[in-house]
Amino acid sequence: VQLQAYGGGLVQTGGSLRLACAASGADFSGREMAWYRRSSGNQRELVASISGTGTTAYAASVKGRFYIYRDNAKSTVFLQMDDLKPEDTAAHYCNAVSGVWINGVPYWGRGTLVTVSS
């Protein structure tokens, strides 16, 4: 199983980025997927989630600015981030909401770093 996030980068306040997460090695099409982020010194937090049928939910801090969607045919989950703020600076990861375990160990794939300059 692999979950690889990409698309991060350096952007100015008010800018936009689109993150993508490619899933492989298992069928995630029916699973609720989510984007998480962890900034320096903080715990990982859930940013946005999307069910297998497309129902979405967002953290209050990003509602109205971020949009999560998925392309099951390409096994990819996207996060469109608009009106970015310095507090959005964090490493971003995707995962199944119910988690992924490999040999009994929680799996987190490669994240992608988003840096928003003021």
PDB file of N, CA and C in Angstrom:
ATOM      1  N   VAL A   1       0.846  -1.200   0.000  1.00  0.00           N
ATOM      2  CA  VAL A   1       0.000   0.000   0.000  1.00  0.00           C
ATOM      3  C   VAL A   1       0.873   1.238   0.000  1.00  0.00           C
ATOM      4  N   GLN A   2       0.476   2.213  -0.819  1.00  0.00           N
ATOM      5  CA  GLN A   2       1.194   3.493  -0.825  1.00  0.00           C
ATOM      6  C   GLN A   2       0.201   4.648  -0.946  1.00  0.00           C
ATOM      7  N   LEU A   3       0.444   5.667  -0.177  1.00  0.00           N
ATOM      8  CA  LEU A   3      -0.296   6.920  -0.277  1.00  0.00           C
ATOM      9  C   LEU A   3       0.736   8.022  -0.422  1.00  0.00           C
ATOM     10  N   GLN A   4       0.798   8.608  -1.566  1.00  0.00           N
ATOM     11  CA  GLN A   4       1.812   9.631  -1.834  1.00  0.00           C
ATOM     12  C   GLN A   4       1.147  10.963  -2.124  1.00  0.00           C
ATOM     13  N   ALA A   5       1.444  11.937  -1.293  1.00  0.00           N
ATOM     14  CA  ALA A   5       0.905  13.280  -1.469  1.00  0.00           C
ATOM     15  C   ALA A   5       1.925  14.138  -2.206  1.00  0.00           C
ATOM     16  N   TYR A   6       1.439  14.990  -3.075  1.00  0.00           N
ATOM     17  CA  TYR A   6       2.338  15.907  -3.767  1.00  0.00           C
ATOM     18  C   TYR A   6       1.569  17.159  -4.159  1.00  0.00           C
ATOM     19  N   GLY A   7       2.304  18.162  -4.597  1.00  0.00           N
ATOM     20  CA  GLY A   7       1.674  19.415  -4.999  1.00  0.00           C
ATOM     21  C   GLY A   7       1.946  20.576  -4.063  1.00  0.00           C
ATOM     22  N   GLY A   8       2.619  20.337  -2.943  1.00  0.00           N
ATOM     23  CA  GLY A   8       2.914  21.418  -2.018  1.00  0.00           C
ATOM     24  C   GLY A   8       3.962  22.359  -2.584  1.00  0.00           C
ATOM     25  N   GLY A   9       4.214  23.413  -1.848  1.00  0.00           N
ATOM     26  CA  GLY A   9       5.204  24.384  -2.276  1.00  0.00           C
ATOM     27  C   GLY A   9       5.102  25.648  -1.468  1.00  0.00           C
ATOM     28  N   LEU A  10       5.809  26.664  -1.936  1.00  0.00           N
ATOM     29  CA  LEU A  10       5.823  27.977  -1.284  1.00  0.00           C
ATOM     30  C   LEU A  10       4.875  28.903  -2.033  1.00  0.00           C
ATOM     31  N   VAL A  11       3.997  29.534  -1.287  1.00  0.00           N
ATOM     32  CA  VAL A  11       3.024  30.433  -1.905  1.00  0.00           C
ATOM     33  C   VAL A  11       2.817  31.626  -0.982  1.00  0.00           C
ATOM     34  N   GLN A  12       2.450  32.740  -1.549  1.00  0.00           N
ATOM     35  CA  GLN A  12       2.183  33.933  -0.743  1.00  0.00           C
ATOM     36  C   GLN A  12       0.768  33.896  -0.158  1.00  0.00           C
ATOM     37  N   THR A  13       0.568  34.652   0.902  1.00  0.00           N
ATOM     38  CA  THR A  13      -0.761  34.779   1.489  1.00  0.00           C
ATOM     39  C   THR A  13      -1.775  35.159   0.417  1.00  0.00           C
ATOM     40  N   GLY A  14      -2.896  34.447   0.433  1.00  0.00           N
ATOM     41  CA  GLY A  14      -3.933  34.681  -0.562  1.00  0.00           C
ATOM     42  C   GLY A  14      -3.814  33.811  -1.795  1.00  0.00           C
ATOM     43  N   GLY A  15      -2.719  33.087  -1.913  1.00  0.00           N
ATOM     44  CA  GLY A  15      -2.497  32.245  -3.073  1.00  0.00           C
ATOM     45  C   GLY A  15      -3.237  30.915  -2.989  1.00  0.00           C
ATOM     46  N   SER A  16      -3.024  30.085  -3.995  1.00  0.00           N
ATOM     47  CA  SER A  16      -3.701  28.800  -4.093  1.00  0.00           C
ATOM     48  C   SER A  16      -2.716  27.682  -4.413  1.00  0.00           C
ATOM     49  N   LEU A  17      -3.068  26.507  -3.982  1.00  0.00           N
ATOM     50  CA  LEU A  17      -2.338  25.297  -4.325  1.00  0.00           C
ATOM     51  C   LEU A  17      -3.352  24.171  -4.468  1.00  0.00           C
ATOM     52  N   ARG A  18      -2.996  23.191  -5.287  1.00  0.00           N
ATOM     53  CA  ARG A  18      -3.807  21.984  -5.365  1.00  0.00           C
ATOM     54  C   ARG A  18      -2.928  20.797  -5.003  1.00  0.00           C
ATOM     55  N   LEU A  19      -3.325  20.102  -3.969  1.00  0.00           N
ATOM     56  CA  LEU A  19      -2.613  18.900  -3.559  1.00  0.00           C
ATOM     57  C   LEU A  19      -3.291  17.676  -4.165  1.00  0.00           C
ATOM     58  N   ALA A  20      -2.507  16.651  -4.394  1.00  0.00           N
ATOM     59  CA  ALA A  20      -3.033  15.385  -4.894  1.00  0.00           C
ATOM     60  C   ALA A  20      -2.442  14.248  -4.094  1.00  0.00           C
ATOM     61  N   CYS A  21      -3.211  13.203  -3.921  1.00  0.00           N
ATOM     62  CA  CYS A  21      -2.750  12.023  -3.195  1.00  0.00           C
ATOM     63  C   CYS A  21      -3.066  10.800  -4.034  1.00  0.00           C
ATOM     64  N   ALA A  22      -2.021  10.135  -4.456  1.00  0.00           N
ATOM     65  CA  ALA A  22      -2.184   8.936  -5.270  1.00  0.00           C
ATOM     66  C   ALA A  22      -2.148   7.712  -4.381  1.00  0.00           C
ATOM     67  N   ALA A  23      -3.173   6.899  -4.456  1.00  0.00           N
ATOM     68  CA  ALA A  23      -3.266   5.676  -3.658  1.00  0.00           C
ATOM     69  C   ALA A  23      -2.998   4.468  -4.540  1.00  0.00           C
ATOM     70  N   SER A  24      -2.264   3.538  -4.007  1.00  0.00           N
ATOM     71  CA  SER A  24      -1.985   2.324  -4.766  1.00  0.00           C
ATOM     72  C   SER A  24      -1.837   1.155  -3.815  1.00  0.00           C
ATOM     73  N   GLY A  25      -1.983  -0.033  -4.355  1.00  0.00           N
ATOM     74  CA  GLY A  25      -1.786  -1.231  -3.559  1.00  0.00           C
ATOM     75  C   GLY A  25      -3.028  -1.731  -2.852  1.00  0.00           C
ATOM     76  N   ALA A  26      -4.106  -0.964  -2.907  1.00  0.00           N
ATOM     77  CA  ALA A  26      -5.372  -1.381  -2.294  1.00  0.00           C
ATOM     78  C   ALA A  26      -6.490  -0.571  -2.936  1.00  0.00           C
ATOM     79  N   ASP A  27      -7.698  -1.041  -2.759  1.00  0.00           N
ATOM     80  CA  ASP A  27      -8.856  -0.349  -3.325  1.00  0.00           C
ATOM     81  C   ASP A  27      -9.418   0.608  -2.281  1.00  0.00           C
ATOM     82  N   PHE A  28      -9.206   1.899  -2.506  1.00  0.00           N
ATOM     83  CA  PHE A  28      -9.686   2.918  -1.588  1.00  0.00           C
ATOM     84  C   PHE A  28     -10.980   3.566  -2.069  1.00  0.00           C
ATOM     85  N   SER A  29     -11.517   3.098  -3.195  1.00  0.00           N
ATOM     86  CA  SER A  29     -12.636   3.810  -3.826  1.00  0.00           C
ATOM     87  C   SER A  29     -13.867   3.922  -2.940  1.00  0.00           C
ATOM     88  N   GLY A  30     -14.097   2.939  -2.079  1.00  0.00           N
ATOM     89  CA  GLY A  30     -15.280   2.975  -1.229  1.00  0.00           C
ATOM     90  C   GLY A  30     -15.010   3.505   0.164  1.00  0.00           C
ATOM     91  N   ARG A  31     -13.782   3.887   0.415  1.00  0.00           N
ATOM     92  CA  ARG A  31     -13.398   4.299   1.766  1.00  0.00           C
ATOM     93  C   ARG A  31     -13.427   5.814   1.907  1.00  0.00           C
ATOM     94  N   GLU A  32     -13.761   6.248   3.100  1.00  0.00           N
ATOM     95  CA  GLU A  32     -13.697   7.665   3.397  1.00  0.00           C
ATOM     96  C   GLU A  32     -12.232   8.059   3.496  1.00  0.00           C
ATOM     97  N   MET A  33     -11.845   9.064   2.741  1.00  0.00           N
ATOM     98  CA  MET A  33     -10.472   9.540   2.704  1.00  0.00           C
ATOM     99  C   MET A  33     -10.409  10.951   3.265  1.00  0.00           C
ATOM    100  N   ALA A  34      -9.231  11.324   3.719  1.00  0.00           N
ATOM    101  CA  ALA A  34      -9.097  12.645   4.334  1.00  0.00           C
ATOM    102  C   ALA A  34      -7.706  13.201   4.105  1.00  0.00           C
ATOM    103  N   TRP A  35      -7.640  14.510   4.169  1.00  0.00           N
ATOM    104  CA  TRP A  35      -6.372  15.221   4.214  1.00  0.00           C
ATOM    105  C   TRP A  35      -6.138  15.663   5.663  1.00  0.00           C
ATOM    106  N   TYR A  36      -4.906  15.482   6.104  1.00  0.00           N
ATOM    107  CA  TYR A  36      -4.485  15.892   7.427  1.00  0.00           C
ATOM    108  C   TYR A  36      -3.290  16.835   7.271  1.00  0.00           C
ATOM    109  N   ARG A  37      -3.014  17.570   8.327  1.00  0.00           N
ATOM    110  CA  ARG A  37      -1.805  18.388   8.304  1.00  0.00           C
ATOM    111  C   ARG A  37      -1.216  18.440   9.701  1.00  0.00           C
ATOM    112  N   ARG A  38       0.087  18.664   9.722  1.00  0.00           N
ATOM    113  CA  ARG A  38       0.802  18.824  10.989  1.00  0.00           C
ATOM    114  C   ARG A  38       1.815  19.935  10.822  1.00  0.00           C
ATOM    115  N   SER A  39       1.639  20.954  11.642  1.00  0.00           N
ATOM    116  CA  SER A  39       2.602  22.043  11.641  1.00  0.00           C
ATOM    117  C   SER A  39       3.589  21.834  12.770  1.00  0.00           C
ATOM    118  N   SER A  40       4.666  22.545  12.737  1.00  0.00           N
ATOM    119  CA  SER A  40       5.742  22.366  13.694  1.00  0.00           C
ATOM    120  C   SER A  40       5.233  22.543  15.124  1.00  0.00           C
ATOM    121  N   GLY A  41       5.476  21.543  15.962  1.00  0.00           N
ATOM    122  CA  GLY A  41       5.098  21.617  17.357  1.00  0.00           C
ATOM    123  C   GLY A  41       3.665  21.265  17.658  1.00  0.00           C
ATOM    124  N   ASN A  42       2.906  20.928  16.632  1.00  0.00           N
ATOM    125  CA  ASN A  42       1.491  20.610  16.830  1.00  0.00           C
ATOM    126  C   ASN A  42       1.178  19.168  16.434  1.00  0.00           C
ATOM    127  N   GLN A  43       0.044  18.701  16.888  1.00  0.00           N
ATOM    128  CA  GLN A  43      -0.399  17.369  16.515  1.00  0.00           C
ATOM    129  C   GLN A  43      -1.029  17.393  15.123  1.00  0.00           C
ATOM    130  N   ARG A  44      -1.071  16.244  14.521  1.00  0.00           N
ATOM    131  CA  ARG A  44      -1.715  16.123  13.218  1.00  0.00           C
ATOM    132  C   ARG A  44      -3.205  16.399  13.379  1.00  0.00           C
ATOM    133  N   GLU A  45      -3.779  17.180  12.475  1.00  0.00           N
ATOM    134  CA  GLU A  45      -5.205  17.490  12.525  1.00  0.00           C
ATOM    135  C   GLU A  45      -5.867  17.163  11.197  1.00  0.00           C
ATOM    136  N   LEU A  46      -7.129  16.802  11.263  1.00  0.00           N
ATOM    137  CA  LEU A  46      -7.894  16.507  10.062  1.00  0.00           C
ATOM    138  C   LEU A  46      -8.343  17.822   9.434  1.00  0.00           C
ATOM    139  N   VAL A  47      -8.087  17.969   8.156  1.00  0.00           N
ATOM    140  CA  VAL A  47      -8.418  19.194   7.435  1.00  0.00           C
ATOM    141  C   VAL A  47      -9.733  19.041   6.671  1.00  0.00           C
ATOM    142  N   ALA A  48      -9.856  17.941   5.944  1.00  0.00           N
ATOM    143  CA  ALA A  48     -11.045  17.716   5.128  1.00  0.00           C
ATOM    144  C   ALA A  48     -11.186  16.226   4.866  1.00  0.00           C
ATOM    145  N   SER A  49     -12.432  15.778   4.729  1.00  0.00           N
ATOM    146  CA  SER A  49     -12.678  14.370   4.441  1.00  0.00           C
ATOM    147  C   SER A  49     -13.726  14.243   3.348  1.00  0.00           C
ATOM    148  N   ILE A  50     -13.702  13.086   2.695  1.00  0.00           N
ATOM    149  CA  ILE A  50     -14.678  12.806   1.650  1.00  0.00           C
ATOM    150  C   ILE A  50     -15.023  11.328   1.703  1.00  0.00           C
ATOM    151  N   SER A  51     -16.302  11.021   1.727  1.00  0.00           N
ATOM    152  CA  SER A  51     -16.744   9.630   1.781  1.00  0.00           C
ATOM    153  C   SER A  51     -16.623   8.990   0.400  1.00  0.00           C
ATOM    154  N   GLY A  52     -16.877   7.701   0.368  1.00  0.00           N
ATOM    155  CA  GLY A  52     -16.830   7.003  -0.906  1.00  0.00           C
ATOM    156  C   GLY A  52     -17.895   7.489  -1.888  1.00  0.00           C
ATOM    157  N   THR A  53     -18.964   8.073  -1.348  1.00  0.00           N
ATOM    158  CA  THR A  53     -20.051   8.569  -2.189  1.00  0.00           C
ATOM    159  C   THR A  53     -19.965  10.080  -2.417  1.00  0.00           C
ATOM    160  N   GLY A  54     -18.906  10.708  -1.884  1.00  0.00           N
ATOM    161  CA  GLY A  54     -18.676  12.114  -2.183  1.00  0.00           C
ATOM    162  C   GLY A  54     -19.114  13.105  -1.132  1.00  0.00           C
ATOM    163  N   THR A  55     -19.609  12.645  -0.003  1.00  0.00           N
ATOM    164  CA  THR A  55     -19.963  13.566   1.080  1.00  0.00           C
ATOM    165  C   THR A  55     -18.698  14.130   1.705  1.00  0.00           C
ATOM    166  N   THR A  56     -18.671  15.442   1.860  1.00  0.00           N
ATOM    167  CA  THR A  56     -17.470  16.099   2.354  1.00  0.00           C
ATOM    168  C   THR A  56     -17.691  16.756   3.711  1.00  0.00           C
ATOM    169  N   ALA A  57     -16.598  16.960   4.415  1.00  0.00           N
ATOM    170  CA  ALA A  57     -16.611  17.669   5.686  1.00  0.00           C
ATOM    171  C   ALA A  57     -15.290  18.404   5.821  1.00  0.00           C
ATOM    172  N   TYR A  58     -15.314  19.536   6.518  1.00  0.00           N
ATOM    173  CA  TYR A  58     -14.124  20.384   6.612  1.00  0.00           C
ATOM    174  C   TYR A  58     -13.921  20.877   8.042  1.00  0.00           C
ATOM    175  N   ALA A  59     -12.662  21.066   8.395  1.00  0.00           N
ATOM    176  CA  ALA A  59     -12.354  21.736   9.644  1.00  0.00           C
ATOM    177  C   ALA A  59     -12.831  23.181   9.540  1.00  0.00           C
ATOM    178  N   ALA A  60     -13.238  23.738  10.655  1.00  0.00           N
ATOM    179  CA  ALA A  60     -13.764  25.100  10.660  1.00  0.00           C
ATOM    180  C   ALA A  60     -12.745  26.096  10.108  1.00  0.00           C
ATOM    181  N   SER A  61     -11.487  25.833  10.349  1.00  0.00           N
ATOM    182  CA  SER A  61     -10.430  26.769   9.949  1.00  0.00           C
ATOM    183  C   SER A  61     -10.238  26.854   8.439  1.00  0.00           C
ATOM    184  N   VAL A  62     -10.740  25.875   7.698  1.00  0.00           N
ATOM    185  CA  VAL A  62     -10.523  25.883   6.246  1.00  0.00           C
ATOM    186  C   VAL A  62     -11.815  25.931   5.448  1.00  0.00           C
ATOM    187  N   LYS A  63     -12.932  25.849   6.136  1.00  0.00           N
ATOM    188  CA  LYS A  63     -14.227  25.823   5.450  1.00  0.00           C
ATOM    189  C   LYS A  63     -14.397  27.090   4.612  1.00  0.00           C
ATOM    190  N   GLY A  64     -14.810  26.897   3.375  1.00  0.00           N
ATOM    191  CA  GLY A  64     -14.982  28.012   2.470  1.00  0.00           C
ATOM    192  C   GLY A  64     -13.738  28.375   1.688  1.00  0.00           C
ATOM    193  N   ARG A  65     -12.599  27.820   2.086  1.00  0.00           N
ATOM    194  CA  ARG A  65     -11.341  28.103   1.386  1.00  0.00           C
ATOM    195  C   ARG A  65     -10.784  26.861   0.707  1.00  0.00           C
ATOM    196  N   PHE A  66     -11.009  25.692   1.296  1.00  0.00           N
ATOM    197  CA  PHE A  66     -10.480  24.433   0.778  1.00  0.00           C
ATOM    198  C   PHE A  66     -11.624  23.598   0.213  1.00  0.00           C
ATOM    199  N   TYR A  67     -11.280  22.788  -0.777  1.00  0.00           N
ATOM    200  CA  TYR A  67     -12.278  21.919  -1.415  1.00  0.00           C
ATOM    201  C   TYR A  67     -11.642  20.568  -1.678  1.00  0.00           C
ATOM    202  N   ILE A  68     -12.250  19.517  -1.124  1.00  0.00           N
ATOM    203  CA  ILE A  68     -11.726  18.159  -1.312  1.00  0.00           C
ATOM    204  C   ILE A  68     -12.578  17.430  -2.342  1.00  0.00           C
ATOM    205  N   TYR A  69     -11.936  16.697  -3.222  1.00  0.00           N
ATOM    206  CA  TYR A  69     -12.678  15.890  -4.183  1.00  0.00           C
ATOM    207  C   TYR A  69     -11.821  14.696  -4.567  1.00  0.00           C
ATOM    208  N   ARG A  70     -12.431  13.748  -5.230  1.00  0.00           N
ATOM    209  CA  ARG A  70     -11.712  12.511  -5.546  1.00  0.00           C
ATOM    210  C   ARG A  70     -12.038  12.044  -6.957  1.00  0.00           C
ATOM    211  N   ASP A  71     -11.102  11.321  -7.512  1.00  0.00           N
ATOM    212  CA  ASP A  71     -11.271  10.669  -8.807  1.00  0.00           C
ATOM    213  C   ASP A  71     -10.978   9.200  -8.580  1.00  0.00           C
ATOM    214  N   ASN A  72     -12.012   8.411  -8.348  1.00  0.00           N
ATOM    215  CA  ASN A  72     -11.801   7.003  -8.026  1.00  0.00           C
ATOM    216  C   ASN A  72     -11.176   6.240  -9.196  1.00  0.00           C
ATOM    217  N   ALA A  73     -11.460   6.644 -10.404  1.00  0.00           N
ATOM    218  CA  ALA A  73     -10.884   5.961 -11.569  1.00  0.00           C
ATOM    219  C   ALA A  73      -9.367   6.084 -11.567  1.00  0.00           C
ATOM    220  N   LYS A  74      -8.864   7.177 -10.990  1.00  0.00           N
ATOM    221  CA  LYS A  74      -7.418   7.396 -10.926  1.00  0.00           C
ATOM    222  C   LYS A  74      -6.866   7.162  -9.529  1.00  0.00           C
ATOM    223  N   SER A  75      -7.739   6.684  -8.614  1.00  0.00           N
ATOM    224  CA  SER A  75      -7.307   6.418  -7.240  1.00  0.00           C
ATOM    225  C   SER A  75      -6.582   7.624  -6.640  1.00  0.00           C
ATOM    226  N   THR A  76      -7.148   8.777  -6.842  1.00  0.00           N
ATOM    227  CA  THR A  76      -6.505  10.014  -6.402  1.00  0.00           C
ATOM    228  C   THR A  76      -7.515  10.890  -5.661  1.00  0.00           C
ATOM    229  N   VAL A  77      -7.038  11.485  -4.582  1.00  0.00           N
ATOM    230  CA  VAL A  77      -7.829  12.431  -3.804  1.00  0.00           C
ATOM    231  C   VAL A  77      -7.133  13.790  -3.897  1.00  0.00           C
ATOM    232  N   PHE A  78      -7.915  14.822  -4.101  1.00  0.00           N
ATOM    233  CA  PHE A  78      -7.363  16.156  -4.300  1.00  0.00           C
ATOM    234  C   PHE A  78      -7.798  17.099  -3.173  1.00  0.00           C
ATOM    235  N   LEU A  79      -6.996  18.118  -2.957  1.00  0.00           N
ATOM    236  CA  LEU A  79      -7.364  19.184  -2.038  1.00  0.00           C
ATOM    237  C   LEU A  79      -7.021  20.510  -2.713  1.00  0.00           C
ATOM    238  N   GLN A  80      -8.053  21.231  -3.118  1.00  0.00           N
ATOM    239  CA  GLN A  80      -7.869  22.555  -3.672  1.00  0.00           C
ATOM    240  C   GLN A  80      -7.860  23.552  -2.522  1.00  0.00           C
ATOM    241  N   MET A  81      -6.763  24.285  -2.404  1.00  0.00           N
ATOM    242  CA  MET A  81      -6.607  25.225  -1.299  1.00  0.00           C
ATOM    243  C   MET A  81      -6.525  26.641  -1.857  1.00  0.00           C
ATOM    244  N   ASP A  82      -7.485  27.447  -1.509  1.00  0.00           N
ATOM    245  CA  ASP A  82      -7.522  28.841  -1.954  1.00  0.00           C
ATOM    246  C   ASP A  82      -7.408  29.781  -0.764  1.00  0.00           C
ATOM    247  N   ASP A  83      -7.086  31.028  -1.040  1.00  0.00           N
ATOM    248  CA  ASP A  83      -6.963  32.051  -0.001  1.00  0.00           C
ATOM    249  C   ASP A  83      -6.098  31.548   1.156  1.00  0.00           C
ATOM    250  N   LEU A  84      -4.953  31.045   0.807  1.00  0.00           N
ATOM    251  CA  LEU A  84      -4.060  30.461   1.817  1.00  0.00           C
ATOM    252  C   LEU A  84      -3.556  31.513   2.787  1.00  0.00           C
ATOM    253  N   LYS A  85      -3.373  31.082   4.033  1.00  0.00           N
ATOM    254  CA  LYS A  85      -2.915  31.944   5.116  1.00  0.00           C
ATOM    255  C   LYS A  85      -1.651  31.353   5.732  1.00  0.00           C
ATOM    256  N   PRO A  86      -0.838  32.180   6.390  1.00  0.00           N
ATOM    257  CA  PRO A  86       0.381  31.652   7.012  1.00  0.00           C
ATOM    258  C   PRO A  86       0.103  30.493   7.980  1.00  0.00           C
ATOM    259  N   GLU A  87      -1.032  30.511   8.635  1.00  0.00           N
ATOM    260  CA  GLU A  87      -1.347  29.427   9.564  1.00  0.00           C
ATOM    261  C   GLU A  87      -1.672  28.108   8.862  1.00  0.00           C
ATOM    262  N   ASP A  88      -1.769  28.127   7.548  1.00  0.00           N
ATOM    263  CA  ASP A  88      -1.945  26.885   6.788  1.00  0.00           C
ATOM    264  C   ASP A  88      -0.613  26.182   6.529  1.00  0.00           C
ATOM    265  N   THR A  89       0.475  26.827   6.896  1.00  0.00           N
ATOM    266  CA  THR A  89       1.794  26.222   6.713  1.00  0.00           C
ATOM    267  C   THR A  89       1.892  24.940   7.517  1.00  0.00           C
ATOM    268  N   ALA A  90       2.157  23.832   6.830  1.00  0.00           N
ATOM    269  CA  ALA A  90       2.208  22.526   7.493  1.00  0.00           C
ATOM    270  C   ALA A  90       2.580  21.460   6.473  1.00  0.00           C
ATOM    271  N   ALA A  91       2.973  20.310   6.988  1.00  0.00           N
ATOM    272  CA  ALA A  91       3.107  19.124   6.140  1.00  0.00           C
ATOM    273  C   ALA A  91       1.716  18.510   6.000  1.00  0.00           C
ATOM    274  N   HIS A  92       1.310  18.232   4.789  1.00  0.00           N
ATOM    275  CA  HIS A  92      -0.018  17.701   4.508  1.00  0.00           C
ATOM    276  C   HIS A  92       0.071  16.241   4.073  1.00  0.00           C
ATOM    277  N   TYR A  93      -0.817  15.445   4.609  1.00  0.00           N
ATOM    278  CA  TYR A  93      -0.856  14.015   4.349  1.00  0.00           C
ATOM    279  C   TYR A  93      -2.280  13.596   3.989  1.00  0.00           C
ATOM    280  N   CYS A  94      -2.393  12.491   3.279  1.00  0.00           N
ATOM    281  CA  CYS A  94      -3.715  11.916   3.086  1.00  0.00           C
ATOM    282  C   CYS A  94      -3.726  10.516   3.693  1.00  0.00           C
ATOM    283  N   ASN A  95      -4.908  10.075   4.050  1.00  0.00           N
ATOM    284  CA  ASN A  95      -5.056   8.736   4.601  1.00  0.00           C
ATOM    285  C   ASN A  95      -6.525   8.379   4.597  1.00  0.00           C
ATOM    286  N   ALA A  96      -6.814   7.116   4.762  1.00  0.00           N
ATOM    287  CA  ALA A  96      -8.181   6.685   4.996  1.00  0.00           C
ATOM    288  C   ALA A  96      -8.562   7.111   6.407  1.00  0.00           C
ATOM    289  N   VAL A  97      -9.784   7.585   6.590  1.00  0.00           N
ATOM    290  CA  VAL A  97     -10.216   8.032   7.909  1.00  0.00           C
ATOM    291  C   VAL A  97     -10.145   6.893   8.917  1.00  0.00           C
ATOM    292  N   SER A  98     -10.422   5.697   8.473  1.00  0.00           N
ATOM    293  CA  SER A  98     -10.350   4.539   9.372  1.00  0.00           C
ATOM    294  C   SER A  98      -8.929   4.034   9.540  1.00  0.00           C
ATOM    295  N   GLY A  99      -7.992   4.638   8.841  1.00  0.00           N
ATOM    296  CA  GLY A  99      -6.602   4.282   9.002  1.00  0.00           C
ATOM    297  C   GLY A  99      -6.142   3.173   8.077  1.00  0.00           C
ATOM    298  N   VAL A 100      -4.873   3.090   7.913  1.00  0.00           N
ATOM    299  CA  VAL A 100      -4.230   2.031   7.132  1.00  0.00           C
ATOM    300  C   VAL A 100      -3.148   1.412   8.012  1.00  0.00           C
ATOM    301  N   TRP A 101      -3.172   0.121   8.105  1.00  0.00           N
ATOM    302  CA  TRP A 101      -2.175  -0.583   8.903  1.00  0.00           C
ATOM    303  C   TRP A 101      -1.402  -1.550   8.026  1.00  0.00           C
ATOM    304  N   ILE A 102      -0.126  -1.619   8.246  1.00  0.00           N
ATOM    305  CA  ILE A 102       0.719  -2.595   7.560  1.00  0.00           C
ATOM    306  C   ILE A 102       1.427  -3.388   8.627  1.00  0.00           C
ATOM    307  N   ASN A 103       1.135  -4.673   8.668  1.00  0.00           N
ATOM    308  CA  ASN A 103       1.714  -5.552   9.699  1.00  0.00           C
ATOM    309  C   ASN A 103       1.441  -5.013  11.104  1.00  0.00           C
ATOM    310  N   GLY A 104       0.228  -4.487  11.296  1.00  0.00           N
ATOM    311  CA  GLY A 104      -0.155  -4.023  12.610  1.00  0.00           C
ATOM    312  C   GLY A 104       0.353  -2.648  12.985  1.00  0.00           C
ATOM    313  N   VAL A 105       1.044  -1.989  12.089  1.00  0.00           N
ATOM    314  CA  VAL A 105       1.610  -0.666  12.356  1.00  0.00           C
ATOM    315  C   VAL A 105       0.850   0.375  11.540  1.00  0.00           C
ATOM    316  N   PRO A 106       0.410   1.483  12.175  1.00  0.00           N
ATOM    317  CA  PRO A 106      -0.283   2.532  11.411  1.00  0.00           C
ATOM    318  C   PRO A 106       0.620   3.078  10.313  1.00  0.00           C
ATOM    319  N   TYR A 107       0.056   3.208   9.132  1.00  0.00           N
ATOM    320  CA  TYR A 107       0.819   3.673   7.983  1.00  0.00           C
ATOM    321  C   TYR A 107       0.429   5.101   7.614  1.00  0.00           C
ATOM    322  N   TRP A 108       1.425   5.930   7.459  1.00  0.00           N
ATOM    323  CA  TRP A 108       1.248   7.270   6.917  1.00  0.00           C
ATOM    324  C   TRP A 108       2.224   7.424   5.768  1.00  0.00           C
ATOM    325  N   GLY A 109       1.698   7.736   4.626  1.00  0.00           N
ATOM    326  CA  GLY A 109       2.559   7.880   3.464  1.00  0.00           C
ATOM    327  C   GLY A 109       3.331   9.181   3.478  1.00  0.00           C
ATOM    328  N   ARG A 110       4.003   9.431   2.387  1.00  0.00           N
ATOM    329  CA  ARG A 110       4.794  10.641   2.249  1.00  0.00           C
ATOM    330  C   ARG A 110       3.889  11.855   2.175  1.00  0.00           C
ATOM    331  N   GLY A 111       4.190  12.855   2.970  1.00  0.00           N
ATOM    332  CA  GLY A 111       3.423  14.088   2.950  1.00  0.00           C
ATOM    333  C   GLY A 111       4.025  15.087   1.978  1.00  0.00           C
ATOM    334  N   THR A 112       3.354  16.225   1.887  1.00  0.00           N
ATOM    335  CA  THR A 112       3.863  17.301   1.044  1.00  0.00           C
ATOM    336  C   THR A 112       3.780  18.604   1.833  1.00  0.00           C
ATOM    337  N   LEU A 113       4.835  19.389   1.769  1.00  0.00           N
ATOM    338  CA  LEU A 113       4.937  20.577   2.600  1.00  0.00           C
ATOM    339  C   LEU A 113       4.325  21.785   1.907  1.00  0.00           C
ATOM    340  N   VAL A 114       3.447  22.452   2.630  1.00  0.00           N
ATOM    341  CA  VAL A 114       2.858  23.709   2.171  1.00  0.00           C
ATOM    342  C   VAL A 114       3.405  24.826   3.049  1.00  0.00           C
ATOM    343  N   THR A 115       3.986  25.831   2.429  1.00  0.00           N
ATOM    344  CA  THR A 115       4.518  26.975   3.155  1.00  0.00           C
ATOM    345  C   THR A 115       3.866  28.237   2.606  1.00  0.00           C
ATOM    346  N   VAL A 116       3.227  28.986   3.493  1.00  0.00           N
ATOM    347  CA  VAL A 116       2.551  30.213   3.079  1.00  0.00           C
ATOM    348  C   VAL A 116       3.283  31.393   3.710  1.00  0.00           C
ATOM    349  N   SER A 117       3.820  32.236   2.887  1.00  0.00           N
ATOM    350  CA  SER A 117       4.563  33.399   3.381  1.00  0.00           C
ATOM    351  C   SER A 117       3.620  34.585   3.571  1.00  0.00           C
ATOM    352  N   SER A 118       3.947  35.380   4.575  1.00  0.00           N
ATOM    353  CA  SER A 118       3.103  36.562   4.873  1.00  0.00           C
ATOM    354  C   SER A 118       3.554  37.778   4.082  1.00  0.00           C
TER     355      SER A 118
END
